[in-house]
Amino acid sequence: RRFLQTVAKFHHYSLGNTILIAFQKPSATMVAGFNRWRELKRFVRAGEHGIMILAPCFPPKPKKEKPPAGAEEPKNEADDEGPMSPVFFKVVYVFDVAQTDGEPLPSVAVPTLTGEESEGLYHRLEEVAAGRAIRIDRVAQDAGGAMGYWDRHGTIWVKPGVAWNQATKTLLHELAHAICEVEGCAGGGSDAETIAESVAYCVGQHFGFDTSVRSFPYVATWGHDIKVLKRNLGQIRNISQKLIDSLETATMNSYKWLASKLAKCNLTPE
């Protein structure tokens, strides 16, 4: 909660302003105006030079005239014209966090899962992947710290040597990416990652596998704005249901296969 509240206080800068910031201070990592830093109980050090960016200035909204008593309020056609365009831009200054002192900013750690109880679910996910002609690669490689990825050419890579719980969560996440792409809902960046990790959590929960210790921080780092989560809720539900149905079908097929083998020996599965 503290992390999202902090992120909400920072502006989302345009491409032009991002370039301006990078040009003037390439080392900048997190910027905000003088007053924003004060709200976060951090203070710009004396003598620091601000980073110049451009702030849009919009025309004043026309005042609505109050209709006479009993008359219907007229429709304001300006409301249908969409967002207003700025009439000019003015120079304002922001400062990088390295130019400030004060209370430390909260952060979110995304831990690696431990435990081995989800191995069975992992193997059922392998069946689901095979049914969709998706190959799973567990060969060691340098992936820059990533736990896995979907390469869009029919292969999911899952980092070897990690606990089954981490491997299962990663496979859930990457399968969600794969299914989302087939379904045509794969956006980019925060939307895609928010969907994939939320699906991993939902499907894991359905089968008694709790990924929240990793999933919630992961979603928090991508879905800085609650709107990102809200606009993807339908896709999260849709992809989760497809994966759950596929897993339950895989379970039933495995049961039928085992039952047929045992029947030949005059045995029944417990």
C-alpha atoms as a PDB file:
ATOM      1  CA  ARG A   1       0.000   0.000   0.000  1.00  0.00           C
ATOM      2  CA  ARG A   2       2.779   2.433   0.912  1.00  0.00           C
ATOM      3  CA  PHE A   3       4.595   1.660  -2.325  1.00  0.00           C
ATOM      4  CA  LEU A   4       1.518   2.356  -4.475  1.00  0.00           C
ATOM      5  CA  GLN A   5       0.767   5.537  -2.539  1.00  0.00           C
ATOM      6  CA  THR A   6       4.296   6.731  -3.211  1.00  0.00           C
ATOM      7  CA  VAL A   7       4.142   5.932  -6.906  1.00  0.00           C
ATOM      8  CA  ALA A   8       0.811   7.750  -7.167  1.00  0.00           C
ATOM      9  CA  LYS A   9       2.511  10.995  -6.136  1.00  0.00           C
ATOM     10  CA  PHE A  10       4.894  10.960  -9.104  1.00  0.00           C
ATOM     11  CA  HIS A  11       3.962  12.298 -12.494  1.00  0.00           C
ATOM     12  CA  HIS A  12       3.880  10.116 -15.604  1.00  0.00           C
ATOM     13  CA  TYR A  13       6.177  12.025 -17.894  1.00  0.00           C
ATOM     14  CA  SER A  14       5.776  12.322 -21.661  1.00  0.00           C
ATOM     15  CA  LEU A  15       8.360  10.973 -24.084  1.00  0.00           C
ATOM     16  CA  GLY A  16       9.628  14.512 -24.697  1.00  0.00           C
ATOM     17  CA  ASN A  17      10.118  15.220 -20.999  1.00  0.00           C
ATOM     18  CA  THR A  18      11.719  11.813 -20.485  1.00  0.00           C
ATOM     19  CA  ILE A  19      14.267  12.743 -23.158  1.00  0.00           C
ATOM     20  CA  LEU A  20      14.826  16.151 -21.530  1.00  0.00           C
ATOM     21  CA  ILE A  21      15.494  14.487 -18.171  1.00  0.00           C
ATOM     22  CA  ALA A  22      17.863  11.942 -19.691  1.00  0.00           C
ATOM     23  CA  PHE A  23      19.701  14.673 -21.609  1.00  0.00           C
ATOM     24  CA  GLN A  24      20.258  16.899 -18.572  1.00  0.00           C
ATOM     25  CA  LYS A  25      20.809  14.204 -15.926  1.00  0.00           C
ATOM     26  CA  PRO A  26      21.462  10.744 -17.391  1.00  0.00           C
ATOM     27  CA  SER A  27      21.840   9.238 -13.911  1.00  0.00           C
ATOM     28  CA  ALA A  28      18.336  10.268 -12.823  1.00  0.00           C
ATOM     29  CA  THR A  29      16.200   7.377 -11.604  1.00  0.00           C
ATOM     30  CA  MET A  30      13.198   8.983  -9.875  1.00  0.00           C
ATOM     31  CA  VAL A  31      12.209  12.613 -10.272  1.00  0.00           C
ATOM     32  CA  ALA A  32       9.597  14.907  -8.795  1.00  0.00           C
ATOM     33  CA  GLY A  33       8.992  18.577  -8.204  1.00  0.00           C
ATOM     34  CA  PHE A  34      10.131  20.469  -5.107  1.00  0.00           C
ATOM     35  CA  ASN A  35       6.729  20.257  -3.410  1.00  0.00           C
ATOM     36  CA  ARG A  36       6.246  16.583  -4.269  1.00  0.00           C
ATOM     37  CA  TRP A  37       9.469  15.731  -2.454  1.00  0.00           C
ATOM     38  CA  ARG A  38       8.272  17.710   0.566  1.00  0.00           C
ATOM     39  CA  GLU A  39       5.062  15.642   0.640  1.00  0.00           C
ATOM     40  CA  LEU A  40       7.259  12.535   0.770  1.00  0.00           C
ATOM     41  CA  LYS A  41       9.253  14.101   3.633  1.00  0.00           C
ATOM     42  CA  ARG A  42      12.334  14.501   1.493  1.00  0.00           C
ATOM     43  CA  PHE A  43      13.955  17.872   0.819  1.00  0.00           C
ATOM     44  CA  VAL A  44      16.040  19.184  -2.066  1.00  0.00           C
ATOM     45  CA  ARG A  45      19.564  19.989  -0.922  1.00  0.00           C
ATOM     46  CA  ALA A  46      20.703  23.613  -1.094  1.00  0.00           C
ATOM     47  CA  GLY A  47      22.615  24.419  -4.269  1.00  0.00           C
ATOM     48  CA  GLU A  48      21.130  21.601  -6.368  1.00  0.00           C
ATOM     49  CA  HIS A  49      20.226  22.518  -9.951  1.00  0.00           C
ATOM     50  CA  GLY A  50      16.782  21.497 -11.152  1.00  0.00           C
ATOM     51  CA  ILE A  51      16.069  19.475 -14.275  1.00  0.00           C
ATOM     52  CA  MET A  52      14.093  21.527 -16.785  1.00  0.00           C
ATOM     53  CA  ILE A  53      10.951  19.971 -18.265  1.00  0.00           C
ATOM     54  CA  LEU A  54       7.882  21.393 -20.018  1.00  0.00           C
ATOM     55  CA  ALA A  55       4.493  21.537 -18.323  1.00  0.00           C
ATOM     56  CA  PRO A  56       1.331  21.921 -20.443  1.00  0.00           C
ATOM     57  CA  CYS A  57      -0.963  24.870 -19.773  1.00  0.00           C
ATOM     58  CA  PHE A  58      -4.609  24.436 -20.711  1.00  0.00           C
ATOM     59  CA  PRO A  59      -7.226  27.068 -21.496  1.00  0.00           C
ATOM     60  CA  PRO A  60      -9.690  27.825 -18.695  1.00  0.00           C
ATOM     61  CA  LYS A  61     -12.851  25.785 -18.789  1.00  0.00           C
ATOM     62  CA  PRO A  62     -15.883  27.828 -19.837  1.00  0.00           C
ATOM     63  CA  LYS A  63     -18.199  28.637 -16.952  1.00  0.00           C
ATOM     64  CA  LYS A  64     -21.593  26.981 -17.089  1.00  0.00           C
ATOM     65  CA  GLU A  65     -24.466  29.410 -16.856  1.00  0.00           C
ATOM     66  CA  LYS A  66     -27.058  28.424 -14.323  1.00  0.00           C
ATOM     67  CA  PRO A  67     -30.412  27.818 -16.061  1.00  0.00           C
ATOM     68  CA  PRO A  68     -33.538  29.610 -14.839  1.00  0.00           C
ATOM     69  CA  ALA A  69     -35.577  27.892 -12.152  1.00  0.00           C
ATOM     70  CA  GLY A  70     -37.513  24.948 -13.595  1.00  0.00           C
ATOM     71  CA  ALA A  71     -35.646  24.985 -16.922  1.00  0.00           C
ATOM     72  CA  GLU A  72     -33.689  21.965 -18.114  1.00  0.00           C
ATOM     73  CA  GLU A  73     -29.946  22.370 -17.878  1.00  0.00           C
ATOM     74  CA  PRO A  74     -28.518  22.715 -21.404  1.00  0.00           C
ATOM     75  CA  LYS A  75     -26.024  20.155 -22.604  1.00  0.00           C
ATOM     76  CA  ASN A  76     -22.492  21.477 -22.819  1.00  0.00           C
ATOM     77  CA  GLU A  77     -21.214  20.488 -26.259  1.00  0.00           C
ATOM     78  CA  ALA A  78     -17.657  21.038 -25.073  1.00  0.00           C
ATOM     79  CA  ASP A  79     -18.038  17.936 -22.911  1.00  0.00           C
ATOM     80  CA  ASP A  80     -18.215  15.784 -26.066  1.00  0.00           C
ATOM     81  CA  GLU A  81     -15.026  17.182 -27.571  1.00  0.00           C
ATOM     82  CA  GLY A  82     -12.698  14.982 -25.516  1.00  0.00           C
ATOM     83  CA  PRO A  83      -9.651  16.187 -23.574  1.00  0.00           C
ATOM     84  CA  MET A  84      -8.543  19.760 -24.223  1.00  0.00           C
ATOM     85  CA  SER A  85      -5.239  20.477 -25.929  1.00  0.00           C
ATOM     86  CA  PRO A  86      -2.681  22.698 -24.186  1.00  0.00           C
ATOM     87  CA  VAL A  87      -2.388  26.243 -25.518  1.00  0.00           C
ATOM     88  CA  PHE A  88       1.255  26.565 -24.504  1.00  0.00           C
ATOM     89  CA  PHE A  89       3.963  24.984 -22.361  1.00  0.00           C
ATOM     90  CA  LYS A  90       5.946  26.516 -19.542  1.00  0.00           C
ATOM     91  CA  VAL A  91       9.290  25.546 -18.056  1.00  0.00           C
ATOM     92  CA  VAL A  92       9.210  23.859 -14.658  1.00  0.00           C
ATOM     93  CA  TYR A  93      11.926  22.079 -12.693  1.00  0.00           C
ATOM     94  CA  VAL A  94      12.127  18.641 -11.121  1.00  0.00           C
ATOM     95  CA  PHE A  95      14.822  17.028  -9.001  1.00  0.00           C
ATOM     96  CA  ASP A  96      16.220  13.514  -8.880  1.00  0.00           C
ATOM     97  CA  VAL A  97      15.999  11.528  -5.655  1.00  0.00           C
ATOM     98  CA  ALA A  98      19.806  11.663  -5.461  1.00  0.00           C
ATOM     99  CA  GLN A  99      19.482  15.451  -5.062  1.00  0.00           C
ATOM    100  CA  THR A 100      17.341  15.081  -1.945  1.00  0.00           C
ATOM    101  CA  ASP A 101      17.703  14.078   1.690  1.00  0.00           C
ATOM    102  CA  GLY A 102      15.107  12.851   4.158  1.00  0.00           C
ATOM    103  CA  GLU A 103      13.087   9.768   4.961  1.00  0.00           C
ATOM    104  CA  PRO A 104      13.812   6.660   2.872  1.00  0.00           C
ATOM    105  CA  LEU A 105      11.255   5.781   0.219  1.00  0.00           C
ATOM    106  CA  PRO A 106       9.390   2.502   0.683  1.00  0.00           C
ATOM    107  CA  SER A 107      10.203  -0.281  -1.755  1.00  0.00           C
ATOM    108  CA  VAL A 108       8.774  -3.682  -2.646  1.00  0.00           C
ATOM    109  CA  ALA A 109      10.883  -6.845  -2.668  1.00  0.00           C
ATOM    110  CA  VAL A 110       9.856  -9.682  -4.998  1.00  0.00           C
ATOM    111  CA  PRO A 111      11.076 -12.856  -3.253  1.00  0.00           C
ATOM    112  CA  THR A 112      11.864 -16.192  -4.883  1.00  0.00           C
ATOM    113  CA  LEU A 113       9.417 -18.906  -3.838  1.00  0.00           C
ATOM    114  CA  THR A 114      10.620 -21.916  -1.884  1.00  0.00           C
ATOM    115  CA  GLY A 115       9.001 -25.276  -1.182  1.00  0.00           C
ATOM    116  CA  GLU A 116       8.313 -28.376  -3.262  1.00  0.00           C
ATOM    117  CA  GLU A 117       4.611 -29.150  -2.716  1.00  0.00           C
ATOM    118  CA  SER A 118       3.492 -27.923  -6.163  1.00  0.00           C
ATOM    119  CA  GLU A 119       5.491 -30.453  -8.218  1.00  0.00           C
ATOM    120  CA  GLY A 120       2.308 -32.306  -9.228  1.00  0.00           C
ATOM    121  CA  LEU A 121       0.711 -29.089 -10.458  1.00  0.00           C
ATOM    122  CA  TYR A 122       3.845 -28.326 -12.471  1.00  0.00           C
ATOM    123  CA  HIS A 123       3.606 -31.641 -14.328  1.00  0.00           C
ATOM    124  CA  ARG A 124      -0.080 -31.034 -15.057  1.00  0.00           C
ATOM    125  CA  LEU A 125       0.900 -27.659 -16.494  1.00  0.00           C
ATOM    126  CA  GLU A 126       3.380 -29.480 -18.721  1.00  0.00           C
ATOM    127  CA  GLU A 127       0.436 -31.461 -20.127  1.00  0.00           C
ATOM    128  CA  VAL A 128      -1.524 -28.273 -20.748  1.00  0.00           C
ATOM    129  CA  ALA A 129       1.472 -26.758 -22.537  1.00  0.00           C
ATOM    130  CA  ALA A 130       1.921 -29.877 -24.665  1.00  0.00           C
ATOM    131  CA  GLY A 131      -1.759 -29.754 -25.624  1.00  0.00           C
ATOM    132  CA  ARG A 132      -1.158 -26.255 -26.984  1.00  0.00           C
ATOM    133  CA  ALA A 133       2.024 -27.316 -28.837  1.00  0.00           C
ATOM    134  CA  ILE A 134       4.175 -25.319 -26.423  1.00  0.00           C
ATOM    135  CA  ARG A 135       7.629 -26.699 -25.628  1.00  0.00           C
ATOM    136  CA  ILE A 136       9.098 -26.210 -22.137  1.00  0.00           C
ATOM    137  CA  ASP A 137      12.840 -25.592 -21.953  1.00  0.00           C
ATOM    138  CA  ARG A 138      14.725 -26.106 -18.666  1.00  0.00           C
ATOM    139  CA  VAL A 139      18.275 -25.828 -20.040  1.00  0.00           C
ATOM    140  CA  ALA A 140      20.467 -23.435 -18.032  1.00  0.00           C
ATOM    141  CA  GLN A 141      21.158 -20.092 -19.720  1.00  0.00           C
ATOM    142  CA  ASP A 142      21.963 -16.517 -18.856  1.00  0.00           C
ATOM    143  CA  ALA A 143      18.568 -14.805 -18.810  1.00  0.00           C
ATOM    144  CA  GLY A 144      19.591 -11.684 -16.925  1.00  0.00           C
ATOM    145  CA  GLY A 145      18.037 -12.754 -13.626  1.00  0.00           C
ATOM    146  CA  ALA A 146      14.679 -13.714 -15.142  1.00  0.00           C
ATOM    147  CA  MET A 147      12.907 -16.800 -13.800  1.00  0.00           C
ATOM    148  CA  GLY A 148      11.395 -17.578 -17.192  1.00  0.00           C
ATOM    149  CA  TYR A 149      10.054 -16.193 -20.444  1.00  0.00           C
ATOM    150  CA  TRP A 150       7.692 -16.916 -23.357  1.00  0.00           C
ATOM    151  CA  ASP A 151       9.531 -16.464 -26.660  1.00  0.00           C
ATOM    152  CA  ARG A 152       6.433 -16.209 -28.904  1.00  0.00           C
ATOM    153  CA  HIS A 153       7.784 -19.019 -31.086  1.00  0.00           C
ATOM    154  CA  GLY A 154       6.212 -21.849 -29.114  1.00  0.00           C
ATOM    155  CA  THR A 155       8.725 -22.209 -26.280  1.00  0.00           C
ATOM    156  CA  ILE A 156       8.572 -21.355 -22.582  1.00  0.00           C
ATOM    157  CA  TRP A 157      11.866 -21.261 -20.718  1.00  0.00           C
ATOM    158  CA  VAL A 158      11.762 -21.943 -16.959  1.00  0.00           C
ATOM    159  CA  LYS A 159      14.925 -21.467 -14.935  1.00  0.00           C
ATOM    160  CA  PRO A 160      16.365 -24.813 -13.771  1.00  0.00           C
ATOM    161  CA  GLY A 161      17.607 -25.428 -10.253  1.00  0.00           C
ATOM    162  CA  VAL A 162      14.856 -23.469  -8.476  1.00  0.00           C
ATOM    163  CA  ALA A 163      12.330 -24.936  -6.036  1.00  0.00           C
ATOM    164  CA  TRP A 164       9.253 -26.596  -7.556  1.00  0.00           C
ATOM    165  CA  ASN A 165       7.050 -23.825  -6.152  1.00  0.00           C
ATOM    166  CA  GLN A 166       9.019 -21.156  -8.019  1.00  0.00           C
ATOM    167  CA  ALA A 167       9.112 -23.236 -11.224  1.00  0.00           C
ATOM    168  CA  THR A 168       5.350 -23.821 -11.041  1.00  0.00           C
ATOM    169  CA  LYS A 169       4.591 -20.154 -10.476  1.00  0.00           C
ATOM    170  CA  THR A 170       6.857 -19.180 -13.376  1.00  0.00           C
ATOM    171  CA  LEU A 171       5.248 -21.728 -15.698  1.00  0.00           C
ATOM    172  CA  LEU A 172       1.781 -20.440 -14.735  1.00  0.00           C
ATOM    173  CA  HIS A 173       2.895 -16.883 -15.497  1.00  0.00           C
ATOM    174  CA  GLU A 174       4.423 -17.730 -18.886  1.00  0.00           C
ATOM    175  CA  LEU A 175       1.485 -19.925 -19.926  1.00  0.00           C
ATOM    176  CA  ALA A 176      -0.769 -16.967 -19.174  1.00  0.00           C
ATOM    177  CA  HIS A 177       1.374 -14.861 -21.532  1.00  0.00           C
ATOM    178  CA  ALA A 178       1.099 -17.531 -24.230  1.00  0.00           C
ATOM    179  CA  ILE A 179      -2.669 -17.937 -23.914  1.00  0.00           C
ATOM    180  CA  CYS A 180      -3.166 -14.178 -23.755  1.00  0.00           C
ATOM    181  CA  GLU A 181      -1.301 -13.753 -27.036  1.00  0.00           C
ATOM    182  CA  VAL A 182      -3.428 -16.404 -28.740  1.00  0.00           C
ATOM    183  CA  GLU A 183      -6.573 -14.744 -27.361  1.00  0.00           C
ATOM    184  CA  GLY A 184      -5.441 -11.408 -28.727  1.00  0.00           C
ATOM    185  CA  CYS A 185      -5.395  -9.657 -25.353  1.00  0.00           C
ATOM    186  CA  ALA A 186      -1.631  -9.303 -25.075  1.00  0.00           C
ATOM    187  CA  GLY A 187      -0.847  -5.641 -24.676  1.00  0.00           C
ATOM    188  CA  GLY A 188       2.576  -4.627 -23.559  1.00  0.00           C
ATOM    189  CA  GLY A 189       4.517  -3.740 -20.459  1.00  0.00           C
ATOM    190  CA  SER A 190       2.444  -3.231 -17.331  1.00  0.00           C
ATOM    191  CA  ASP A 191      -0.799  -4.591 -18.812  1.00  0.00           C
ATOM    192  CA  ALA A 192       0.727  -7.878 -19.993  1.00  0.00           C
ATOM    193  CA  GLU A 193       2.682  -8.451 -16.779  1.00  0.00           C
ATOM    194  CA  THR A 194      -0.244  -7.536 -14.536  1.00  0.00           C
ATOM    195  CA  ILE A 195      -2.496  -9.995 -16.393  1.00  0.00           C
ATOM    196  CA  ALA A 196       0.063 -12.833 -16.372  1.00  0.00           C
ATOM    197  CA  GLU A 197       0.947 -12.568 -12.690  1.00  0.00           C
ATOM    198  CA  SER A 198      -2.656 -12.099 -11.585  1.00  0.00           C
ATOM    199  CA  VAL A 199      -3.624 -15.199 -13.570  1.00  0.00           C
ATOM    200  CA  ALA A 200      -0.779 -17.143 -11.940  1.00  0.00           C
ATOM    201  CA  TYR A 201      -2.125 -16.157  -8.526  1.00  0.00           C
ATOM    202  CA  CYS A 202      -5.773 -16.955  -9.375  1.00  0.00           C
ATOM    203  CA  VAL A 203      -5.020 -20.370 -10.876  1.00  0.00           C
ATOM    204  CA  GLY A 204      -2.614 -21.260  -8.079  1.00  0.00           C
ATOM    205  CA  GLN A 205      -5.229 -20.335  -5.475  1.00  0.00           C
ATOM    206  CA  HIS A 206      -7.816 -22.531  -7.222  1.00  0.00           C
ATOM    207  CA  PHE A 207      -5.563 -25.541  -6.785  1.00  0.00           C
ATOM    208  CA  GLY A 208      -4.423 -24.686  -3.251  1.00  0.00           C
ATOM    209  CA  PHE A 209      -1.066 -23.197  -4.287  1.00  0.00           C
ATOM    210  CA  ASP A 210      -0.533 -19.765  -2.719  1.00  0.00           C
ATOM    211  CA  THR A 211       1.807 -17.509  -4.727  1.00  0.00           C
ATOM    212  CA  SER A 212       0.864 -14.263  -2.976  1.00  0.00           C
ATOM    213  CA  VAL A 213       4.250 -13.728  -1.335  1.00  0.00           C
ATOM    214  CA  ARG A 214       5.689 -13.180  -4.832  1.00  0.00           C
ATOM    215  CA  SER A 215       2.651 -12.293  -6.938  1.00  0.00           C
ATOM    216  CA  PHE A 216       1.439  -9.259  -4.986  1.00  0.00           C
ATOM    217  CA  PRO A 217       4.811  -7.477  -4.941  1.00  0.00           C
ATOM    218  CA  TYR A 218       5.305  -8.375  -8.613  1.00  0.00           C
ATOM    219  CA  VAL A 219       1.972  -6.865  -9.631  1.00  0.00           C
ATOM    220  CA  ALA A 220       2.675  -3.806  -7.473  1.00  0.00           C
ATOM    221  CA  THR A 221       5.904  -3.092  -9.350  1.00  0.00           C
ATOM    222  CA  TRP A 222       4.125  -3.245 -12.732  1.00  0.00           C
ATOM    223  CA  GLY A 223       0.619  -1.961 -11.966  1.00  0.00           C
ATOM    224  CA  HIS A 224       1.639   1.397 -10.501  1.00  0.00           C
ATOM    225  CA  ASP A 225      -1.803   2.802 -11.281  1.00  0.00           C
ATOM    226  CA  ILE A 226      -4.870   0.938  -9.999  1.00  0.00           C
ATOM    227  CA  LYS A 227      -6.419   1.610 -13.437  1.00  0.00           C
ATOM    228  CA  VAL A 228      -3.980  -0.923 -14.932  1.00  0.00           C
ATOM    229  CA  LEU A 229      -5.484  -3.667 -12.771  1.00  0.00           C
ATOM    230  CA  LYS A 230      -9.078  -2.497 -13.227  1.00  0.00           C
ATOM    231  CA  ARG A 231      -8.996  -2.379 -17.020  1.00  0.00           C
ATOM    232  CA  ASN A 232      -7.566  -5.909 -17.164  1.00  0.00           C
ATOM    233  CA  LEU A 233      -9.911  -7.649 -14.722  1.00  0.00           C
ATOM    234  CA  GLY A 234     -11.984  -9.181 -17.510  1.00  0.00           C
ATOM    235  CA  GLN A 235      -8.932 -10.623 -19.235  1.00  0.00           C
ATOM    236  CA  ILE A 236      -7.564 -11.943 -15.920  1.00  0.00           C
ATOM    237  CA  ARG A 237     -10.811 -13.813 -15.298  1.00  0.00           C
ATOM    238  CA  ASN A 238     -10.997 -15.114 -18.870  1.00  0.00           C
ATOM    239  CA  ILE A 239      -7.429 -16.461 -19.013  1.00  0.00           C
ATOM    240  CA  SER A 240      -7.671 -17.872 -15.466  1.00  0.00           C
ATOM    241  CA  GLN A 241     -10.803 -19.823 -16.375  1.00  0.00           C
ATOM    242  CA  LYS A 242      -9.201 -21.246 -19.520  1.00  0.00           C
ATOM    243  CA  LEU A 243      -6.138 -22.423 -17.582  1.00  0.00           C
ATOM    244  CA  ILE A 244      -8.213 -23.901 -14.764  1.00  0.00           C
ATOM    245  CA  ASP A 245     -10.417 -25.778 -17.245  1.00  0.00           C
ATOM    246  CA  SER A 246      -7.343 -27.077 -19.080  1.00  0.00           C
ATOM    247  CA  LEU A 247      -5.720 -28.238 -15.840  1.00  0.00           C
ATOM    248  CA  GLU A 248      -8.864 -30.013 -14.678  1.00  0.00           C
ATOM    249  CA  THR A 249      -9.149 -31.736 -18.070  1.00  0.00           C
ATOM    250  CA  ALA A 250      -5.504 -32.795 -17.822  1.00  0.00           C
ATOM    251  CA  THR A 251      -6.193 -34.202 -14.354  1.00  0.00           C
ATOM    252  CA  MET A 252      -9.224 -36.158 -15.590  1.00  0.00           C
ATOM    253  CA  ASN A 253      -7.267 -37.549 -18.556  1.00  0.00           C
ATOM    254  CA  SER A 254      -4.484 -38.701 -16.229  1.00  0.00           C
ATOM    255  CA  TYR A 255      -7.041 -40.351 -13.950  1.00  0.00           C
ATOM    256  CA  LYS A 256      -8.673 -42.163 -16.873  1.00  0.00           C
ATOM    257  CA  TRP A 257      -5.276 -43.381 -18.116  1.00  0.00           C
ATOM    258  CA  LEU A 258      -4.371 -44.679 -14.636  1.00  0.00           C
ATOM    259  CA  ALA A 259      -7.801 -46.297 -14.217  1.00  0.00           C
ATOM    260  CA  SER A 260      -7.449 -48.148 -17.526  1.00  0.00           C
ATOM    261  CA  LYS A 261      -4.025 -49.475 -16.528  1.00  0.00           C
ATOM    262  CA  LEU A 262      -5.241 -50.583 -13.118  1.00  0.00           C
ATOM    263  CA  ALA A 263      -8.356 -52.212 -14.608  1.00  0.00           C
ATOM    264  CA  LYS A 264      -6.138 -54.563 -16.563  1.00  0.00           C
ATOM    265  CA  CYS A 265      -4.726 -55.723 -13.244  1.00  0.00           C
ATOM    266  CA  ASN A 266      -8.194 -55.937 -11.626  1.00  0.00           C
ATOM    267  CA  LEU A 267      -7.349 -52.959  -9.381  1.00  0.00           C
ATOM    268  CA  THR A 268      -9.135 -49.661  -8.789  1.00  0.00           C
ATOM    269  CA  PRO A 269      -7.519 -46.273  -8.058  1.00  0.00           C
ATOM    270  CA  GLU A 270      -7.894 -44.991  -4.485  1.00  0.00           C
END
